[in-house]
C-alpha atoms as a PDB file:
ATOM      1  CA  THR A   1      -6.316 -20.540 -13.285  1.00  0.00           C
ATOM      2  CA  ILE A   2      -8.431 -17.652 -14.478  1.00  0.00           C
ATOM      3  CA  TYR A   3      -7.114 -17.656 -18.034  1.00  0.00           C
ATOM      4  CA  ASP A   4      -6.624 -21.422 -18.465  1.00  0.00           C
ATOM      5  CA  GLN A   5      -3.074 -20.893 -19.670  1.00  0.00           C
ATOM      6  CA  HIS A   6       0.005 -22.991 -19.100  1.00  0.00           C
ATOM      7  CA  LEU A   7       2.701 -20.399 -19.552  1.00  0.00           C
ATOM      8  CA  MET A   8       6.312 -21.448 -19.450  1.00  0.00           C
ATOM      9  CA  GLY A   9       8.679 -18.768 -18.281  1.00  0.00           C
ATOM     10  CA  ALA A  10       8.932 -15.023 -18.125  1.00  0.00           C
ATOM     11  CA  ASN A  11       8.854 -14.355 -21.867  1.00  0.00           C
ATOM     12  CA  GLU A  12       5.625 -16.282 -22.471  1.00  0.00           C
ATOM     13  CA  THR A  13       4.019 -14.685 -19.428  1.00  0.00           C
ATOM     14  CA  ALA A  14       5.038 -11.172 -20.482  1.00  0.00           C
ATOM     15  CA  ALA A  15       3.727 -11.781 -24.011  1.00  0.00           C
ATOM     16  CA  PHE A  16       0.437 -13.099 -22.637  1.00  0.00           C
ATOM     17  CA  LEU A  17       0.006 -10.107 -20.312  1.00  0.00           C
ATOM     18  CA  ALA A  18       0.686  -7.764 -23.232  1.00  0.00           C
ATOM     19  CA  LYS A  19      -1.975  -9.580 -25.292  1.00  0.00           C
ATOM     20  CA  ILE A  20      -4.729  -9.326 -22.649  1.00  0.00           C
ATOM     21  CA  ALA A  21      -3.896  -5.822 -21.476  1.00  0.00           C
ATOM     22  CA  GLU A  22      -6.242  -2.985 -22.328  1.00  0.00           C
ATOM     23  CA  PRO A  23      -3.813  -0.093 -22.777  1.00  0.00           C
ATOM     24  CA  CYS A  24      -4.758   3.387 -21.658  1.00  0.00           C
ATOM     25  CA  GLY A  25      -4.879   6.264 -24.079  1.00  0.00           C
ATOM     26  CA  PRO A  26      -1.987   8.567 -24.957  1.00  0.00           C
ATOM     27  CA  GLY A  27      -2.529  10.587 -21.775  1.00  0.00           C
ATOM     28  CA  GLY A  28      -2.026   7.508 -19.623  1.00  0.00           C
ATOM     29  CA  CYS A  29      -4.395   5.834 -17.201  1.00  0.00           C
ATOM     30  CA  SER A  30      -6.652   8.196 -15.303  1.00  0.00           C
ATOM     31  CA  ASN A  31      -7.767   5.872 -12.499  1.00  0.00           C
ATOM     32  CA  SER A  32      -6.875   2.638 -10.703  1.00  0.00           C
ATOM     33  CA  GLU A  33      -9.304   0.488 -12.659  1.00  0.00           C
ATOM     34  CA  GLN A  34      -7.753   1.509 -15.969  1.00  0.00           C
ATOM     35  CA  GLN A  35      -4.241   1.060 -14.554  1.00  0.00           C
ATOM     36  CA  SER A  36      -5.001  -2.451 -13.314  1.00  0.00           C
ATOM     37  CA  VAL A  37      -6.704  -3.572 -16.535  1.00  0.00           C
ATOM     38  CA  ALA A  38      -3.774  -2.164 -18.509  1.00  0.00           C
ATOM     39  CA  SER A  39      -1.416  -4.309 -16.414  1.00  0.00           C
ATOM     40  CA  VAL A  40      -3.217  -7.639 -15.985  1.00  0.00           C
ATOM     41  CA  GLY A  41      -6.355  -7.616 -18.152  1.00  0.00           C
ATOM     42  CA  ARG A  42     -10.038  -7.423 -17.229  1.00  0.00           C
ATOM     43  CA  ALA A  43     -10.465 -10.928 -15.766  1.00  0.00           C
ATOM     44  CA  ALA A  44      -7.539 -10.671 -13.337  1.00  0.00           C
ATOM     45  CA  TYR A  45      -8.634  -7.155 -12.413  1.00  0.00           C
ATOM     46  CA  ASN A  46     -12.099  -8.457 -11.515  1.00  0.00           C
ATOM     47  CA  GLN A  47     -10.684 -11.503  -9.727  1.00  0.00           C
ATOM     48  CA  PHE A  48      -7.999  -9.794  -7.647  1.00  0.00           C
ATOM     49  CA  TYR A  49      -7.715  -6.030  -7.839  1.00  0.00           C
ATOM     50  CA  ARG A  50     -11.297  -4.789  -7.723  1.00  0.00           C
ATOM     51  CA  GLY A  51     -12.448  -6.529  -4.541  1.00  0.00           C
ATOM     52  CA  TYR A  52      -9.181  -5.939  -2.738  1.00  0.00           C
ATOM     53  CA  THR A  53      -9.139  -2.258  -3.635  1.00  0.00           C
ATOM     54  CA  LEU A  54     -12.751  -1.830  -2.525  1.00  0.00           C
ATOM     55  CA  LYS A  55     -11.957  -3.514   0.781  1.00  0.00           C
ATOM     56  CA  GLN A  56      -8.684  -1.672   1.387  1.00  0.00           C
ATOM     57  CA  TRP A  57      -9.733   1.818   0.355  1.00  0.00           C
ATOM     58  CA  GLY A  58     -13.527   1.719   0.643  1.00  0.00           C
ATOM     59  CA  VAL A  59     -13.715   3.376  -2.776  1.00  0.00           C
ATOM     60  CA  ASP A  60     -14.397   1.962  -6.234  1.00  0.00           C
ATOM     61  CA  PRO A  61     -11.101   1.679  -8.154  1.00  0.00           C
ATOM     62  CA  SER A  62     -12.509   3.890 -10.910  1.00  0.00           C
ATOM     63  CA  GLN A  63     -12.555   6.701  -8.330  1.00  0.00           C
ATOM     64  CA  LEU A  64      -8.934   6.295  -7.212  1.00  0.00           C
ATOM     65  CA  ASP A  65      -5.879   7.799  -8.848  1.00  0.00           C
ATOM     66  CA  ALA A  66      -4.003   5.459 -11.179  1.00  0.00           C
ATOM     67  CA  LEU A  67      -0.972   5.687  -8.874  1.00  0.00           C
ATOM     68  CA  VAL A  68      -2.770   3.669  -6.185  1.00  0.00           C
ATOM     69  CA  THR A  69      -2.693   0.381  -8.106  1.00  0.00           C
ATOM     70  CA  GLY A  70       0.136   1.483 -10.383  1.00  0.00           C
ATOM     71  CA  ARG A  71       2.565   0.941  -7.529  1.00  0.00           C
ATOM     72  CA  ILE A  72       1.738  -2.780  -7.406  1.00  0.00           C
ATOM     73  CA  SER A  73       4.391  -4.760  -9.246  1.00  0.00           C
ATOM     74  CA  VAL A  74       3.226  -7.173 -11.924  1.00  0.00           C
ATOM     75  CA  ARG A  75       5.765  -9.905 -12.473  1.00  0.00           C
ATOM     76  CA  SER A  76       6.174 -12.256 -15.390  1.00  0.00           C
ATOM     77  CA  ASP A  77       8.809 -14.329 -13.606  1.00  0.00           C
ATOM     78  CA  PHE A  78       9.111 -16.210 -10.318  1.00  0.00           C
ATOM     79  CA  ASP A  79      10.797 -13.367  -8.416  1.00  0.00           C
ATOM     80  CA  ASN A  80       8.514 -12.909  -5.409  1.00  0.00           C
ATOM     81  CA  ARG A  81      10.203  -9.817  -4.011  1.00  0.00           C
ATOM     82  CA  TYR A  82       8.156  -6.620  -3.870  1.00  0.00           C
ATOM     83  CA  PHE A  83      11.010  -4.520  -5.251  1.00  0.00           C
ATOM     84  CA  THR A  84      13.560  -5.489  -7.855  1.00  0.00           C
ATOM     85  CA  ASP A  85      16.371  -3.598  -6.148  1.00  0.00           C
ATOM     86  CA  ARG A  86      19.691  -5.409  -6.366  1.00  0.00           C
ATOM     87  CA  TYR A  87      20.276  -5.269  -2.625  1.00  0.00           C
ATOM     88  CA  GLN A  88      17.428  -6.033  -0.269  1.00  0.00           C
ATOM     89  CA  SER A  89      17.262  -7.385   3.219  1.00  0.00           C
ATOM     90  CA  GLN A  90      15.096  -7.897   6.230  1.00  0.00           C
ATOM     91  CA  PRO A  91      16.158  -7.857   9.854  1.00  0.00           C
ATOM     92  CA  ARG A  92      17.729 -11.229  10.673  1.00  0.00           C
ATOM     93  CA  ASP A  93      15.444 -11.817  13.665  1.00  0.00           C
ATOM     94  CA  GLY A  94      12.373 -10.166  12.119  1.00  0.00           C
ATOM     95  CA  TYR A  95      10.813  -6.718  12.347  1.00  0.00           C
ATOM     96  CA  THR A  96       9.326  -7.266  15.818  1.00  0.00           C
ATOM     97  CA  ARG A  97      12.758  -7.924  17.337  1.00  0.00           C
ATOM     98  CA  TRP A  98      14.243  -5.020  15.377  1.00  0.00           C
ATOM     99  CA  MET A  99      11.595  -2.584  16.625  1.00  0.00           C
ATOM    100  CA  ALA A 100      11.924  -3.894  20.195  1.00  0.00           C
ATOM    101  CA  GLY A 101      15.647  -3.120  19.984  1.00  0.00           C
ATOM    102  CA  ILE A 102      14.970   0.426  18.831  1.00  0.00           C
ATOM    103  CA  LEU A 103      12.383   1.029  21.536  1.00  0.00           C
ATOM    104  CA  SER A 104      14.694  -0.307  24.263  1.00  0.00           C
ATOM    105  CA  ASP A 105      17.060   2.643  23.736  1.00  0.00           C
ATOM    106  CA  PRO A 106      17.239   4.707  26.953  1.00  0.00           C
ATOM    107  CA  LEU A 107      16.651   7.884  24.927  1.00  0.00           C
ATOM    108  CA  ILE A 108      13.242   6.646  23.777  1.00  0.00           C
ATOM    109  CA  ASP A 109      10.186   6.726  26.001  1.00  0.00           C
ATOM    110  CA  LEU A 110       7.434   4.342  24.987  1.00  0.00           C
ATOM    111  CA  VAL A 111       4.062   5.214  26.454  1.00  0.00           C
ATOM    112  CA  LEU A 112       1.134   2.865  25.886  1.00  0.00           C
ATOM    113  CA  GLY A 113      -2.525   3.076  26.791  1.00  0.00           C
ATOM    114  CA  VAL A 114      -2.612   6.856  26.434  1.00  0.00           C
ATOM    115  CA  ASP A 115      -4.832   8.731  24.021  1.00  0.00           C
ATOM    116  CA  TRP A 116      -2.691  11.089  21.971  1.00  0.00           C
ATOM    117  CA  PHE A 117      -5.463  13.634  21.777  1.00  0.00           C
ATOM    118  CA  ASP A 118      -5.644  13.798  25.584  1.00  0.00           C
ATOM    119  CA  VAL A 119      -1.924  14.501  26.076  1.00  0.00           C
ATOM    120  CA  GLN A 120      -0.679  16.286  22.965  1.00  0.00           C
ATOM    121  CA  GLN A 121      -1.012  19.788  24.451  1.00  0.00           C
ATOM    122  CA  ARG A 122       0.895  18.809  27.628  1.00  0.00           C
ATOM    123  CA  LEU A 123       3.707  17.275  25.591  1.00  0.00           C
ATOM    124  CA  ALA A 124       4.090  20.124  23.107  1.00  0.00           C
ATOM    125  CA  GLY A 125       7.612  21.519  23.381  1.00  0.00           C
ATOM    126  CA  ARG A 126       8.693  18.957  26.019  1.00  0.00           C
ATOM    127  CA  CYS A 127       9.741  16.234  23.609  1.00  0.00           C
ATOM    128  CA  GLY A 128      12.203  16.357  20.756  1.00  0.00           C
ATOM    129  CA  LYS A 129      10.101  14.170  18.486  1.00  0.00           C
ATOM    130  CA  LEU A 130       6.728  12.535  18.874  1.00  0.00           C
ATOM    131  CA  ILE A 131       5.459   9.825  16.581  1.00  0.00           C
ATOM    132  CA  PHE A 132       1.721   9.422  16.145  1.00  0.00           C
ATOM    133  CA  THR A 133       0.696   5.837  15.349  1.00  0.00           C
ATOM    134  CA  GLY A 134      -3.077   6.059  15.678  1.00  0.00           C
ATOM    135  CA  PRO A 135      -5.895   6.403  13.152  1.00  0.00           C
ATOM    136  CA  ILE A 136      -4.737   8.878  10.523  1.00  0.00           C
ATOM    137  CA  ASP A 137      -8.283  10.120   9.826  1.00  0.00           C
ATOM    138  CA  HIS A 138      -8.641  11.236  13.440  1.00  0.00           C
ATOM    139  CA  TYR A 139      -5.257  12.962  13.355  1.00  0.00           C
ATOM    140  CA  PHE A 140      -6.124  14.898  10.193  1.00  0.00           C
ATOM    141  CA  ALA A 141      -9.563  15.872  11.523  1.00  0.00           C
ATOM    142  CA  ASP A 142      -8.073  17.071  14.821  1.00  0.00           C
ATOM    143  CA  SER A 143      -5.557  19.178  12.885  1.00  0.00           C
ATOM    144  CA  GLY A 144      -8.383  20.913  11.002  1.00  0.00           C
ATOM    145  CA  LEU A 145      -7.513  19.264   7.707  1.00  0.00           C
ATOM    146  CA  PRO A 146     -10.219  18.000   5.339  1.00  0.00           C
ATOM    147  CA  LYS A 147     -11.512  14.437   5.561  1.00  0.00           C
ATOM    148  CA  LEU A 148      -9.389  11.988   3.651  1.00  0.00           C
ATOM    149  CA  THR A 149     -10.940  10.734   0.433  1.00  0.00           C
ATOM    150  CA  TYR A 150     -10.416   7.103   1.412  1.00  0.00           C
ATOM    151  CA  ARG A 151     -11.214   5.212   4.546  1.00  0.00           C
ATOM    152  CA  SER A 152      -8.704   4.403   7.223  1.00  0.00           C
ATOM    153  CA  LEU A 153      -8.430   1.296   9.336  1.00  0.00           C
ATOM    154  CA  ARG A 154     -10.627   1.193  12.411  1.00  0.00           C
ATOM    155  CA  PHE A 155      -8.812   0.419  15.658  1.00  0.00           C
END
């Protein structure tokens, strides 16, 4: 454990998190570092959030909007679901099977091994909808939009 605590239950955990939190000022948190430290304290931020955020975004958390880490749920109970919505589900046979079922529809053409940027002009106006699933940075750059402020995954 990073805090050497033996917390019993949601109430003790919530009280402990409130004790170690470093609240943001009246205007709220202005970056992801402040947001994380306000949620889980400095030690947990350094142990979990900082390195992960640097790896995922390629940017120091102090340079990212507070919303980036603010969307990460901090739980004081044993509920391991990402959302606390009353009704949640996952496809019975998993997401791979679900997507395979969607893509097997005769109205959907799946084309692999083709570079989007080589064919986009030829396909313009010929297809009802096209879904781009490649590197988002390349897509934005090709569209004349400014470089994203964070890094994308490299394929």
